């Protein structure tokens, strides 16, 4: 681990999760140090489930990151200061199938002890072990207006992951 980060208990990180995910955005990365992809996300959450601190994320099946999330046991979440908004925008609008997001953005990668991806520029990162997944079922929407978020019927797969490590910049 890079010396400018320290491990913290997931319950001790500060800030509003709705603000961090929904408005500041985050990167979701899946894969390992040999092969991975990252994408920007503004849908997700965190909480306590099954006696564990958890994060839940949503990935559409056509996203390149989906393949990595399916093939790997872990995913990582990364939160950035506002000065990195352009990187988050780039990683949310370009596909890793077409461009090397790391080379294009200047993100600096380092591996966790489990060989998952962290970024030097991130101020808060979480390593999550997948516990559960399911696919959004359009028949289960109680508010049918939400379906407008899926004009191509490309419903997300959601993953619930135990937060096994949380690091923050100090």
Protein backbone atom coordinates (compact mmCIF):
# COMPACT_ATOMS: atom_id res chain seq x y z
CA UNK A 1 0.00 0.00 0.00
CA UNK A 2 1.17 3.52 -0.79
CA UNK A 3 2.44 5.25 2.36
CA UNK A 4 0.03 8.22 2.03
CA UNK A 5 -2.96 5.96 2.77
CA UNK A 6 -4.11 4.43 6.03
CA UNK A 7 -6.61 1.67 6.69
CA UNK A 8 -9.80 2.73 8.41
CA UNK A 9 -12.87 0.92 9.63
CA UNK A 10 -15.65 1.39 7.03
CA UNK A 11 -17.95 2.78 9.72
CA UNK A 12 -15.44 5.55 10.44
CA UNK A 13 -15.24 7.26 7.06
CA UNK A 14 -16.81 10.68 7.00
CA UNK A 15 -19.25 12.24 4.59
CA UNK A 16 -22.66 11.85 3.12
CA UNK A 17 -22.91 8.68 1.00
CA UNK A 18 -25.70 10.18 -1.13
CA UNK A 19 -23.49 13.17 -1.92
CA UNK A 20 -20.37 11.05 -2.51
CA UNK A 21 -22.02 8.61 -4.92
CA UNK A 22 -24.94 10.48 -6.44
CA UNK A 23 -23.35 13.87 -6.99
CA UNK A 24 -19.57 13.62 -6.57
CA UNK A 25 -19.55 10.22 -8.36
CA UNK A 26 -17.17 7.32 -7.91
CA UNK A 27 -15.18 4.90 -10.01
CA UNK A 28 -16.01 1.20 -9.91
CA UNK A 29 -13.07 -1.00 -10.88
CA UNK A 30 -13.13 -4.75 -11.40
CA UNK A 31 -10.32 -7.09 -12.40
CA UNK A 32 -6.80 -7.35 -11.05
CA UNK A 33 -3.44 -5.72 -11.63
CA UNK A 34 -2.93 -7.75 -14.83
CA UNK A 35 -6.26 -6.86 -16.48
CA UNK A 36 -9.05 -4.59 -15.26
CA UNK A 37 -11.49 -1.89 -16.26
CA UNK A 38 -12.99 1.07 -14.50
CA UNK A 39 -16.19 3.05 -14.98
CA UNK A 40 -17.83 6.06 -13.41
CA UNK A 41 -20.97 5.48 -11.38
CA UNK A 42 -23.51 7.67 -9.65
CA UNK A 43 -25.88 4.88 -8.61
CA UNK A 44 -25.11 2.74 -5.60
CA UNK A 45 -25.02 2.81 -1.86
CA UNK A 46 -23.55 1.55 1.37
CA UNK A 47 -24.90 0.13 4.56
CA UNK A 48 -24.95 -2.79 6.91
CA UNK A 49 -26.39 -6.12 5.77
CA UNK A 50 -25.92 -9.72 6.88
CA UNK A 51 -23.85 -8.45 9.83
CA UNK A 52 -21.31 -6.91 7.45
CA UNK A 53 -20.47 -3.45 6.13
CA UNK A 54 -21.51 -3.54 2.47
CA UNK A 55 -21.56 -1.51 -0.70
CA UNK A 56 -23.93 -2.11 -3.56
CA UNK A 57 -23.28 -1.16 -7.15
CA UNK A 58 -25.14 -1.32 -10.45
CA UNK A 59 -23.59 -2.18 -13.82
CA UNK A 60 -25.40 -2.49 -17.16
CA UNK A 61 -24.54 -5.67 -19.07
CA UNK A 62 -23.14 -3.81 -22.10
CA UNK A 63 -20.51 -2.01 -20.02
CA UNK A 64 -16.98 -3.36 -20.40
CA UNK A 65 -16.57 -3.35 -16.61
CA UNK A 66 -19.45 -5.85 -16.40
CA UNK A 67 -17.22 -8.60 -17.86
CA UNK A 68 -14.62 -7.98 -15.16
CA UNK A 69 -17.21 -7.81 -12.38
CA UNK A 70 -18.59 -11.15 -13.51
CA UNK A 71 -15.18 -12.83 -13.74
CA UNK A 72 -13.69 -11.63 -10.44
CA UNK A 73 -14.44 -12.07 -6.77
CA UNK A 74 -13.80 -8.42 -5.87
CA UNK A 75 -14.54 -4.90 -7.03
CA UNK A 76 -13.12 -1.62 -5.74
CA UNK A 77 -14.73 1.78 -5.26
CA UNK A 78 -12.84 5.05 -5.52
CA UNK A 79 -13.81 8.57 -4.48
CA UNK A 80 -12.08 11.71 -5.78
CA UNK A 81 -11.88 15.41 -5.06
CA UNK A 82 -13.71 17.74 -7.45
CA UNK A 83 -10.45 18.57 -9.27
CA UNK A 84 -10.63 15.07 -10.82
CA UNK A 85 -14.12 15.59 -12.32
CA UNK A 86 -12.71 15.46 -15.87
CA UNK A 87 -11.26 12.00 -15.17
CA UNK A 88 -14.60 10.80 -13.83
CA UNK A 89 -16.38 12.27 -16.84
CA UNK A 90 -13.93 10.58 -19.22
CA UNK A 91 -14.24 7.19 -17.50
CA UNK A 92 -18.03 7.46 -17.69
CA UNK A 93 -18.22 8.36 -21.37
CA UNK A 94 -15.46 6.24 -22.92
CA UNK A 95 -15.28 2.47 -23.08
CA UNK A 96 -12.23 0.50 -22.02
CA UNK A 97 -12.85 -1.57 -25.15
CA UNK A 98 -11.86 1.45 -27.24
CA UNK A 99 -9.38 3.44 -25.14
CA UNK A 100 -6.84 2.87 -22.40
CA UNK A 101 -8.50 4.88 -19.64
CA UNK A 102 -5.45 4.73 -17.39
CA UNK A 103 -3.08 6.09 -20.05
CA UNK A 104 -5.59 8.72 -21.21
CA UNK A 105 -6.41 10.05 -17.73
CA UNK A 106 -3.07 9.71 -15.95
CA UNK A 107 -4.55 7.64 -13.15
CA UNK A 108 -1.78 6.05 -11.11
CA UNK A 109 -2.53 2.45 -10.19
CA UNK A 110 -1.35 0.38 -7.25
CA UNK A 111 -2.50 -3.04 -6.12
CA UNK A 112 -4.15 -3.98 -2.87
CA UNK A 113 -2.86 -6.93 -0.86
CA UNK A 114 -5.47 -9.03 -2.73
CA UNK A 115 -4.17 -7.76 -6.11
CA UNK A 116 -7.17 -5.49 -6.74
CA UNK A 117 -6.89 -1.97 -8.10
CA UNK A 118 -6.48 1.28 -6.17
CA UNK A 119 -5.64 4.76 -7.52
CA UNK A 120 -3.14 7.16 -5.97
CA UNK A 121 -5.35 10.17 -6.75
CA UNK A 122 -8.36 8.86 -4.84
CA UNK A 123 -8.93 10.11 -1.29
CA UNK A 124 -11.13 7.15 -0.23
CA UNK A 125 -11.13 3.59 -1.58
CA UNK A 126 -12.99 0.45 -0.69
CA UNK A 127 -12.22 -3.13 -1.62
CA UNK A 128 -15.36 -5.24 -1.74
CA UNK A 129 -15.82 -9.02 -1.93
CA UNK A 130 -18.92 -9.95 -3.89
CA UNK A 131 -21.59 -11.59 -1.74
CA UNK A 132 -24.67 -11.43 -3.95
CA UNK A 133 -25.87 -10.35 -7.36
CA UNK A 134 -29.20 -10.11 -9.09
CA UNK A 135 -30.69 -8.51 -12.17
CA UNK A 136 -33.19 -5.67 -12.06
CA UNK A 137 -36.57 -7.12 -13.00
CA UNK A 138 -38.85 -4.58 -14.71
CA UNK A 139 -41.91 -6.45 -13.42
CA UNK A 140 -40.91 -5.52 -9.87
CA UNK A 141 -41.01 -1.72 -10.27
CA UNK A 142 -43.70 -0.29 -8.04
CA UNK A 143 -43.27 3.15 -9.61
CA UNK A 144 -43.47 2.52 -13.35
CA UNK A 145 -41.96 5.94 -14.12
CA UNK A 146 -38.56 4.54 -13.10
CA UNK A 147 -38.55 2.36 -16.23
CA UNK A 148 -37.83 5.56 -18.20
CA UNK A 149 -34.24 5.09 -17.02
CA UNK A 150 -34.10 2.01 -19.28
CA UNK A 151 -35.19 3.06 -22.79
CA UNK A 152 -33.14 0.17 -24.26
CA UNK A 153 -34.40 -2.36 -21.68
CA UNK A 154 -30.78 -2.76 -20.55
CA UNK A 155 -31.54 -3.37 -16.91
CA UNK A 156 -28.65 -3.29 -14.47
CA UNK A 157 -27.14 -6.19 -12.63
CA UNK A 158 -26.55 -5.21 -9.04
CA UNK A 159 -23.83 -6.54 -6.79
CA UNK A 160 -23.64 -6.44 -3.03
CA UNK A 161 -20.09 -6.61 -1.73
CA UNK A 162 -18.68 -6.84 1.76
CA UNK A 163 -16.29 -3.95 2.37
CA UNK A 164 -13.17 -5.92 3.33
CA UNK A 165 -10.77 -3.00 3.26
CA UNK A 166 -11.22 0.74 3.38
CA UNK A 167 -8.30 3.12 2.95
CA UNK A 168 -8.16 6.89 2.99
CA UNK A 169 -5.53 9.47 2.23
CA UNK A 170 -4.03 11.18 5.24
